[in-house]
Amino acid sequence: MIDQLESAFNYHQKAVGLRQARHEVLAANIANADTPNYKARDIDFASELKKAVDGTQRTSGDSEGGLTLTRTAGSHIAGQGPAWRGAGNADLLYRIPDQPSLDGNTVDMDRERTQFADNAVRYQAGLTMLNSRIQGLKTAMQPE
C-alpha cells in the first residue's frame, strides 16, 4: 500500500523539489547581478527531472562537480569544496550571455526575471496538481 502511495506522488514530488532548487539558483543569479565576474547558472529541468524519476542521480557522497581550491604555495593543503547539493543533486549549467559585459558578469536581468516568474508559476502549478492528487486519494479513502 505504501509503495503505491509513494509511486503516486513520486513524479510530482521530484518536480516540485527541482522547481524549488531552480528557484534558489535563479534567485542567486538575480542577487549577484552586480557582482563582477559572476557567472549565471541554471538547471536543465527536463533532463534533471528525467534523471530523478529514473533514479540515475548521483549519490551525495560523489564529489564530482565540486569546486577545486587553488593552491598558491606548495605547503598549502589541497582541497575541494562541496558540489552544489540542491534538490536531487541537480547539475548546474552556465548560461551563455547574449551580450558580454565589461566586468565579466553574465547575468541578464531581463532573462533572469522572466525565468524566475515562469518557474514560480510552474512551481505553483506543481503544488496545485500535487494537492489535487492528495485530495483525490483522501476522497477515495473516505467511507461512504
N, C-alpha and C. Protein backbone atom coordinates (compact mmCIF):
# COMPACT_ATOMS: atom_id res chain seq x y z
N MET A 1 0.83 -1.20 0.00
CA MET A 1 0.00 0.00 0.00
C MET A 1 0.86 1.25 0.00
N ILE A 2 1.89 1.27 0.86
CA ILE A 2 2.78 2.42 0.95
C ILE A 2 3.53 2.59 -0.37
N ASP A 3 3.92 1.49 -1.01
CA ASP A 3 4.63 1.56 -2.28
C ASP A 3 3.78 2.26 -3.34
N GLN A 4 2.49 1.95 -3.34
CA GLN A 4 1.59 2.56 -4.31
C GLN A 4 1.41 4.05 -4.04
N LEU A 5 1.34 4.43 -2.77
CA LEU A 5 1.23 5.85 -2.43
C LEU A 5 2.50 6.59 -2.83
N GLU A 6 3.64 5.97 -2.56
CA GLU A 6 4.90 6.61 -2.91
C GLU A 6 5.02 6.79 -4.42
N SER A 7 4.65 5.78 -5.19
CA SER A 7 4.73 5.89 -6.64
C SER A 7 3.72 6.89 -7.18
N ALA A 8 2.59 7.06 -6.51
CA ALA A 8 1.59 8.03 -6.96
C ALA A 8 2.09 9.46 -6.82
N PHE A 9 2.93 9.71 -5.81
CA PHE A 9 3.42 11.07 -5.56
C PHE A 9 4.84 11.31 -6.05
N ASN A 10 5.54 10.28 -6.48
CA ASN A 10 6.95 10.38 -6.81
C ASN A 10 7.23 11.47 -7.85
N TYR A 11 6.55 11.43 -8.97
CA TYR A 11 6.82 12.37 -10.06
C TYR A 11 6.59 13.81 -9.61
N HIS A 12 5.46 14.07 -9.00
CA HIS A 12 5.14 15.44 -8.58
C HIS A 12 6.08 15.92 -7.48
N GLN A 13 6.45 15.02 -6.58
CA GLN A 13 7.38 15.38 -5.51
C GLN A 13 8.73 15.78 -6.10
N LYS A 14 9.24 15.01 -7.04
CA LYS A 14 10.52 15.32 -7.66
C LYS A 14 10.44 16.62 -8.45
N ALA A 15 9.33 16.83 -9.17
CA ALA A 15 9.17 18.04 -9.97
C ALA A 15 9.14 19.28 -9.09
N VAL A 16 8.39 19.24 -8.00
CA VAL A 16 8.30 20.39 -7.10
C VAL A 16 9.65 20.65 -6.44
N GLY A 17 10.35 19.60 -6.06
CA GLY A 17 11.68 19.75 -5.47
C GLY A 17 12.68 20.39 -6.42
N LEU A 18 12.65 19.97 -7.69
CA LEU A 18 13.54 20.57 -8.67
C LEU A 18 13.16 22.01 -8.97
N ARG A 19 11.87 22.31 -8.99
CA ARG A 19 11.43 23.70 -9.20
C ARG A 19 11.94 24.58 -8.07
N GLN A 20 11.88 24.07 -6.84
CA GLN A 20 12.36 24.83 -5.69
C GLN A 20 13.86 25.07 -5.80
N ALA A 21 14.61 24.04 -6.21
CA ALA A 21 16.05 24.20 -6.38
C ALA A 21 16.37 25.20 -7.48
N ARG A 22 15.63 25.15 -8.58
CA ARG A 22 15.85 26.10 -9.68
C ARG A 22 15.53 27.51 -9.23
N HIS A 23 14.52 27.65 -8.39
CA HIS A 23 14.16 28.96 -7.86
C HIS A 23 15.33 29.55 -7.05
N GLU A 24 15.98 28.73 -6.27
CA GLU A 24 17.14 29.19 -5.50
C GLU A 24 18.28 29.63 -6.41
N VAL A 25 18.52 28.87 -7.47
CA VAL A 25 19.59 29.20 -8.41
C VAL A 25 19.28 30.52 -9.12
N LEU A 26 18.04 30.67 -9.58
CA LEU A 26 17.66 31.91 -10.27
C LEU A 26 17.72 33.11 -9.32
N ALA A 27 17.33 32.91 -8.07
CA ALA A 27 17.40 33.99 -7.08
C ALA A 27 18.86 34.38 -6.84
N ALA A 28 19.76 33.41 -6.80
CA ALA A 28 21.18 33.71 -6.64
C ALA A 28 21.71 34.50 -7.82
N ASN A 29 21.25 34.16 -9.02
CA ASN A 29 21.66 34.92 -10.21
C ASN A 29 21.22 36.37 -10.10
N ILE A 30 19.97 36.58 -9.71
CA ILE A 30 19.44 37.94 -9.58
C ILE A 30 20.18 38.70 -8.50
N ALA A 31 20.46 38.04 -7.38
CA ALA A 31 21.15 38.70 -6.27
C ALA A 31 22.57 39.10 -6.65
N ASN A 32 23.18 38.37 -7.57
CA ASN A 32 24.56 38.65 -7.96
C ASN A 32 24.67 39.38 -9.30
N ALA A 33 23.63 40.09 -9.68
CA ALA A 33 23.62 40.77 -10.97
C ALA A 33 24.71 41.83 -11.08
N ASP A 34 25.14 42.40 -9.97
CA ASP A 34 26.17 43.44 -9.99
C ASP A 34 27.53 42.94 -9.50
N THR A 35 27.69 41.66 -9.30
CA THR A 35 28.94 41.09 -8.83
C THR A 35 29.89 40.87 -10.01
N PRO A 36 31.06 41.49 -9.99
CA PRO A 36 31.99 41.28 -11.11
C PRO A 36 32.39 39.82 -11.25
N ASN A 37 32.49 39.37 -12.48
CA ASN A 37 32.89 38.00 -12.86
C ASN A 37 31.95 36.91 -12.36
N TYR A 38 30.73 37.26 -11.95
CA TYR A 38 29.76 36.24 -11.55
C TYR A 38 29.21 35.58 -12.81
N LYS A 39 29.16 34.28 -12.82
CA LYS A 39 28.65 33.52 -13.97
C LYS A 39 27.27 32.99 -13.64
N ALA A 40 26.27 33.39 -14.43
CA ALA A 40 24.89 32.96 -14.21
C ALA A 40 24.79 31.45 -14.41
N ARG A 41 24.00 30.80 -13.55
CA ARG A 41 23.82 29.35 -13.60
C ARG A 41 22.34 29.04 -13.77
N ASP A 42 22.06 27.82 -14.20
CA ASP A 42 20.68 27.35 -14.32
C ASP A 42 20.67 25.84 -14.30
N ILE A 43 19.49 25.29 -14.18
CA ILE A 43 19.29 23.84 -14.17
C ILE A 43 18.53 23.47 -15.44
N ASP A 44 18.98 22.42 -16.13
CA ASP A 44 18.21 21.88 -17.25
C ASP A 44 17.11 21.02 -16.64
N PHE A 45 15.94 21.62 -16.48
CA PHE A 45 14.87 20.99 -15.70
C PHE A 45 14.43 19.66 -16.29
N ALA A 46 14.23 19.60 -17.60
CA ALA A 46 13.72 18.37 -18.22
C ALA A 46 14.66 17.19 -18.01
N SER A 47 15.95 17.39 -18.25
CA SER A 47 16.88 16.27 -18.09
C SER A 47 17.06 15.89 -16.63
N GLU A 48 17.04 16.87 -15.73
CA GLU A 48 17.18 16.56 -14.30
C GLU A 48 15.95 15.83 -13.76
N LEU A 49 14.77 16.20 -14.24
CA LEU A 49 13.56 15.50 -13.81
C LEU A 49 13.56 14.07 -14.33
N LYS A 50 14.01 13.88 -15.56
CA LYS A 50 14.11 12.54 -16.11
C LYS A 50 15.07 11.69 -15.29
N LYS A 51 16.22 12.26 -14.94
CA LYS A 51 17.19 11.53 -14.11
C LYS A 51 16.61 11.23 -12.73
N ALA A 52 15.88 12.18 -12.16
CA ALA A 52 15.30 11.98 -10.82
C ALA A 52 14.26 10.87 -10.83
N VAL A 53 13.41 10.87 -11.83
CA VAL A 53 12.35 9.86 -11.90
C VAL A 53 12.92 8.48 -12.24
N ASP A 54 13.94 8.45 -13.13
CA ASP A 54 14.56 7.18 -13.49
C ASP A 54 15.48 6.64 -12.41
N GLY A 55 15.85 7.50 -11.45
CA GLY A 55 16.73 7.07 -10.37
C GLY A 55 18.18 7.04 -10.76
N THR A 56 18.61 7.86 -11.73
CA THR A 56 20.00 7.86 -12.18
C THR A 56 20.78 9.05 -11.65
N GLN A 57 20.38 9.59 -10.50
CA GLN A 57 21.09 10.73 -9.92
C GLN A 57 22.36 10.28 -9.24
N ARG A 58 23.27 11.25 -9.06
CA ARG A 58 24.49 10.98 -8.31
C ARG A 58 24.15 10.83 -6.84
N THR A 59 24.97 10.09 -6.15
CA THR A 59 24.77 9.95 -4.71
C THR A 59 25.40 11.14 -4.01
N SER A 60 25.00 11.38 -2.78
CA SER A 60 25.50 12.54 -2.06
C SER A 60 26.98 12.40 -1.72
N GLY A 61 27.53 11.20 -1.71
CA GLY A 61 28.95 11.03 -1.43
C GLY A 61 29.83 11.30 -2.64
N ASP A 62 29.26 11.42 -3.80
CA ASP A 62 30.00 11.66 -5.02
C ASP A 62 30.49 13.10 -5.03
N SER A 63 31.78 13.32 -5.17
CA SER A 63 32.32 14.68 -5.12
C SER A 63 32.43 15.30 -6.50
N GLU A 64 31.99 14.61 -7.54
CA GLU A 64 32.07 15.16 -8.88
C GLU A 64 31.29 16.47 -8.95
N GLY A 65 31.86 17.45 -9.59
CA GLY A 65 31.19 18.73 -9.73
C GLY A 65 31.51 19.72 -8.63
N GLY A 66 32.37 19.35 -7.69
CA GLY A 66 32.73 20.27 -6.63
C GLY A 66 33.71 21.31 -7.12
N LEU A 67 33.95 22.29 -6.30
CA LEU A 67 34.89 23.35 -6.63
C LEU A 67 36.28 22.94 -6.18
N THR A 68 37.26 23.04 -7.07
CA THR A 68 38.63 22.74 -6.70
C THR A 68 39.27 24.01 -6.18
N LEU A 69 39.90 23.91 -5.03
CA LEU A 69 40.54 25.07 -4.41
C LEU A 69 41.93 25.27 -4.99
N THR A 70 42.28 26.52 -5.25
CA THR A 70 43.58 26.83 -5.82
C THR A 70 44.62 26.90 -4.72
N ARG A 71 45.76 26.24 -4.95
CA ARG A 71 46.87 26.29 -4.00
C ARG A 71 47.86 27.32 -4.50
N THR A 72 48.18 28.29 -3.67
CA THR A 72 49.12 29.33 -4.06
C THR A 72 50.53 29.05 -3.57
N ALA A 73 50.70 28.02 -2.77
CA ALA A 73 52.01 27.61 -2.30
C ALA A 73 52.01 26.10 -2.14
N GLY A 74 53.17 25.49 -2.28
CA GLY A 74 53.28 24.04 -2.20
C GLY A 74 52.94 23.48 -0.84
N SER A 75 53.05 24.30 0.20
CA SER A 75 52.76 23.82 1.55
C SER A 75 51.28 23.88 1.91
N HIS A 76 50.46 24.46 1.04
CA HIS A 76 49.02 24.53 1.30
C HIS A 76 48.38 23.16 1.13
N ILE A 77 47.35 22.92 1.89
CA ILE A 77 46.63 21.66 1.81
C ILE A 77 45.70 21.70 0.60
N ALA A 78 45.75 20.64 -0.21
CA ALA A 78 44.85 20.55 -1.35
C ALA A 78 43.45 20.30 -0.84
N GLY A 79 42.48 20.87 -1.49
CA GLY A 79 41.10 20.68 -1.04
C GLY A 79 40.12 20.83 -2.17
N GLN A 80 38.94 20.38 -1.90
CA GLN A 80 37.87 20.52 -2.87
C GLN A 80 36.61 20.89 -2.13
N GLY A 81 35.96 21.94 -2.60
CA GLY A 81 34.70 22.37 -2.00
C GLY A 81 33.59 21.43 -2.40
N PRO A 82 32.52 21.44 -1.65
CA PRO A 82 31.41 20.54 -1.97
C PRO A 82 30.71 20.96 -3.25
N ALA A 83 30.18 19.99 -3.95
CA ALA A 83 29.35 20.28 -5.12
C ALA A 83 28.02 20.83 -4.64
N TRP A 84 27.35 21.53 -5.51
CA TRP A 84 26.03 22.06 -5.16
C TRP A 84 25.10 20.89 -4.93
N ARG A 85 24.38 20.90 -3.82
CA ARG A 85 23.52 19.78 -3.46
C ARG A 85 22.08 20.21 -3.32
N GLY A 86 21.55 20.82 -4.36
CA GLY A 86 20.15 21.20 -4.35
C GLY A 86 19.28 19.96 -4.45
N ALA A 87 18.03 20.13 -4.74
CA ALA A 87 17.10 19.01 -4.80
C ALA A 87 17.59 17.97 -5.79
N GLY A 88 17.89 16.80 -5.31
CA GLY A 88 18.26 15.71 -6.19
C GLY A 88 19.65 15.84 -6.77
N ASN A 89 20.53 16.66 -6.21
CA ASN A 89 21.89 16.79 -6.72
C ASN A 89 21.92 17.21 -8.18
N ALA A 90 21.10 18.15 -8.56
CA ALA A 90 20.99 18.58 -9.95
C ALA A 90 22.29 19.21 -10.42
N ASP A 91 22.63 18.97 -11.68
CA ASP A 91 23.80 19.58 -12.28
C ASP A 91 23.48 21.01 -12.67
N LEU A 92 24.35 21.92 -12.27
CA LEU A 92 24.18 23.32 -12.65
C LEU A 92 24.94 23.59 -13.94
N LEU A 93 24.30 24.31 -14.83
CA LEU A 93 24.91 24.68 -16.09
C LEU A 93 25.15 26.18 -16.11
N TYR A 94 26.15 26.61 -16.85
CA TYR A 94 26.39 28.04 -17.01
C TYR A 94 25.56 28.56 -18.16
N ARG A 95 25.05 29.78 -17.98
CA ARG A 95 24.32 30.44 -19.08
C ARG A 95 25.32 31.09 -20.02
N ILE A 96 25.02 31.04 -21.29
CA ILE A 96 25.84 31.72 -22.28
C ILE A 96 25.22 33.10 -22.49
N PRO A 97 25.99 34.17 -22.23
CA PRO A 97 25.41 35.51 -22.32
C PRO A 97 25.15 35.92 -23.77
N ASP A 98 24.08 36.69 -23.98
CA ASP A 98 23.78 37.22 -25.30
C ASP A 98 24.73 38.35 -25.66
N GLN A 99 25.09 39.12 -24.65
CA GLN A 99 25.96 40.26 -24.85
C GLN A 99 26.96 40.31 -23.69
N PRO A 100 28.26 40.27 -23.97
CA PRO A 100 29.23 40.27 -22.88
C PRO A 100 29.26 41.61 -22.16
N SER A 101 29.58 41.56 -20.87
CA SER A 101 29.70 42.80 -20.09
C SER A 101 31.17 43.05 -19.80
N LEU A 102 31.48 44.28 -19.50
CA LEU A 102 32.87 44.65 -19.24
C LEU A 102 33.43 44.04 -17.95
N ASP A 103 32.55 43.82 -16.97
CA ASP A 103 33.03 43.28 -15.69
C ASP A 103 33.01 41.75 -15.63
N GLY A 104 32.64 41.08 -16.71
CA GLY A 104 32.65 39.62 -16.76
C GLY A 104 31.41 38.95 -16.19
N ASN A 105 30.43 39.73 -15.76
CA ASN A 105 29.19 39.19 -15.21
C ASN A 105 28.30 38.74 -16.37
N THR A 106 27.73 37.53 -16.27
CA THR A 106 26.90 37.00 -17.36
C THR A 106 25.41 37.02 -17.04
N VAL A 107 25.01 37.73 -15.98
CA VAL A 107 23.60 37.78 -15.60
C VAL A 107 22.87 38.79 -16.49
N ASP A 108 21.82 38.32 -17.18
CA ASP A 108 20.94 39.18 -17.97
C ASP A 108 19.65 39.31 -17.15
N MET A 109 19.45 40.47 -16.55
CA MET A 109 18.32 40.65 -15.62
C MET A 109 16.97 40.38 -16.27
N ASP A 110 16.78 40.78 -17.52
CA ASP A 110 15.50 40.51 -18.18
C ASP A 110 15.25 39.01 -18.29
N ARG A 111 16.26 38.28 -18.71
CA ARG A 111 16.13 36.82 -18.83
C ARG A 111 15.90 36.19 -17.46
N GLU A 112 16.64 36.64 -16.45
CA GLU A 112 16.51 36.06 -15.11
C GLU A 112 15.12 36.31 -14.53
N ARG A 113 14.64 37.53 -14.68
CA ARG A 113 13.29 37.83 -14.17
C ARG A 113 12.23 36.99 -14.87
N THR A 114 12.37 36.84 -16.19
CA THR A 114 11.42 36.03 -16.96
C THR A 114 11.46 34.58 -16.51
N GLN A 115 12.67 34.03 -16.38
CA GLN A 115 12.81 32.63 -15.94
C GLN A 115 12.30 32.45 -14.51
N PHE A 116 12.55 33.44 -13.66
CA PHE A 116 12.10 33.38 -12.27
C PHE A 116 10.57 33.35 -12.20
N ALA A 117 9.92 34.25 -12.96
CA ALA A 117 8.45 34.29 -12.97
C ALA A 117 7.87 33.01 -13.55
N ASP A 118 8.46 32.51 -14.64
CA ASP A 118 7.98 31.28 -15.27
C ASP A 118 8.12 30.10 -14.30
N ASN A 119 9.26 30.03 -13.63
CA ASN A 119 9.48 28.94 -12.68
C ASN A 119 8.51 29.04 -11.50
N ALA A 120 8.22 30.27 -11.05
CA ALA A 120 7.28 30.44 -9.93
C ALA A 120 5.88 29.95 -10.31
N VAL A 121 5.45 30.26 -11.52
CA VAL A 121 4.13 29.81 -11.98
C VAL A 121 4.10 28.29 -12.09
N ARG A 122 5.14 27.72 -12.64
CA ARG A 122 5.20 26.26 -12.78
C ARG A 122 5.30 25.56 -11.42
N TYR A 123 6.00 26.18 -10.48
CA TYR A 123 6.09 25.64 -9.12
C TYR A 123 4.71 25.62 -8.49
N GLN A 124 3.98 26.72 -8.62
CA GLN A 124 2.63 26.81 -8.06
C GLN A 124 1.71 25.79 -8.73
N ALA A 125 1.84 25.60 -10.04
CA ALA A 125 1.03 24.61 -10.75
C ALA A 125 1.35 23.20 -10.25
N GLY A 126 2.63 22.93 -10.01
CA GLY A 126 3.02 21.62 -9.47
C GLY A 126 2.42 21.37 -8.10
N LEU A 127 2.43 22.41 -7.25
CA LEU A 127 1.82 22.27 -5.92
C LEU A 127 0.32 22.05 -6.03
N THR A 128 -0.33 22.75 -6.95
CA THR A 128 -1.77 22.58 -7.15
C THR A 128 -2.09 21.17 -7.61
N MET A 129 -1.31 20.64 -8.54
CA MET A 129 -1.54 19.28 -9.03
C MET A 129 -1.29 18.26 -7.93
N LEU A 130 -0.25 18.46 -7.14
CA LEU A 130 0.03 17.56 -6.03
C LEU A 130 -1.09 17.60 -5.00
N ASN A 131 -1.58 18.79 -4.71
CA ASN A 131 -2.68 18.95 -3.76
C ASN A 131 -3.95 18.26 -4.28
N SER A 132 -4.25 18.42 -5.56
CA SER A 132 -5.46 17.77 -6.10
C SER A 132 -5.31 16.25 -6.08
N ARG A 133 -4.08 15.77 -6.26
CA ARG A 133 -3.84 14.33 -6.20
C ARG A 133 -4.08 13.81 -4.78
N ILE A 134 -3.62 14.56 -3.79
CA ILE A 134 -3.83 14.19 -2.39
C ILE A 134 -5.32 14.22 -2.05
N GLN A 135 -6.00 15.24 -2.50
CA GLN A 135 -7.45 15.37 -2.22
C GLN A 135 -8.22 14.21 -2.87
N GLY A 136 -7.81 13.82 -4.08
CA GLY A 136 -8.45 12.70 -4.76
C GLY A 136 -8.26 11.40 -3.99
N LEU A 137 -7.08 11.18 -3.48
CA LEU A 137 -6.82 9.97 -2.69
C LEU A 137 -7.57 10.01 -1.37
N LYS A 138 -7.64 11.18 -0.75
CA LYS A 138 -8.39 11.30 0.51
C LYS A 138 -9.88 11.01 0.27
N THR A 139 -10.41 11.50 -0.83
CA THR A 139 -11.81 11.26 -1.16
C THR A 139 -12.07 9.79 -1.40
N ALA A 140 -11.12 9.14 -2.09
CA ALA A 140 -11.27 7.71 -2.39
C ALA A 140 -11.22 6.86 -1.12
N MET A 141 -10.51 7.33 -0.11
CA MET A 141 -10.39 6.57 1.15
C MET A 141 -11.53 6.81 2.11
N GLN A 142 -12.38 7.79 1.87
CA GLN A 142 -13.50 8.10 2.76
C GLN A 142 -14.55 7.00 2.68
N PRO A 143 -15.08 6.60 3.82
CA PRO A 143 -16.16 5.60 3.77
C PRO A 143 -17.43 6.26 3.24
N GLU A 144 -18.25 5.48 2.62
CA GLU A 144 -19.48 6.01 2.00
C GLU A 144 -20.50 6.32 3.02
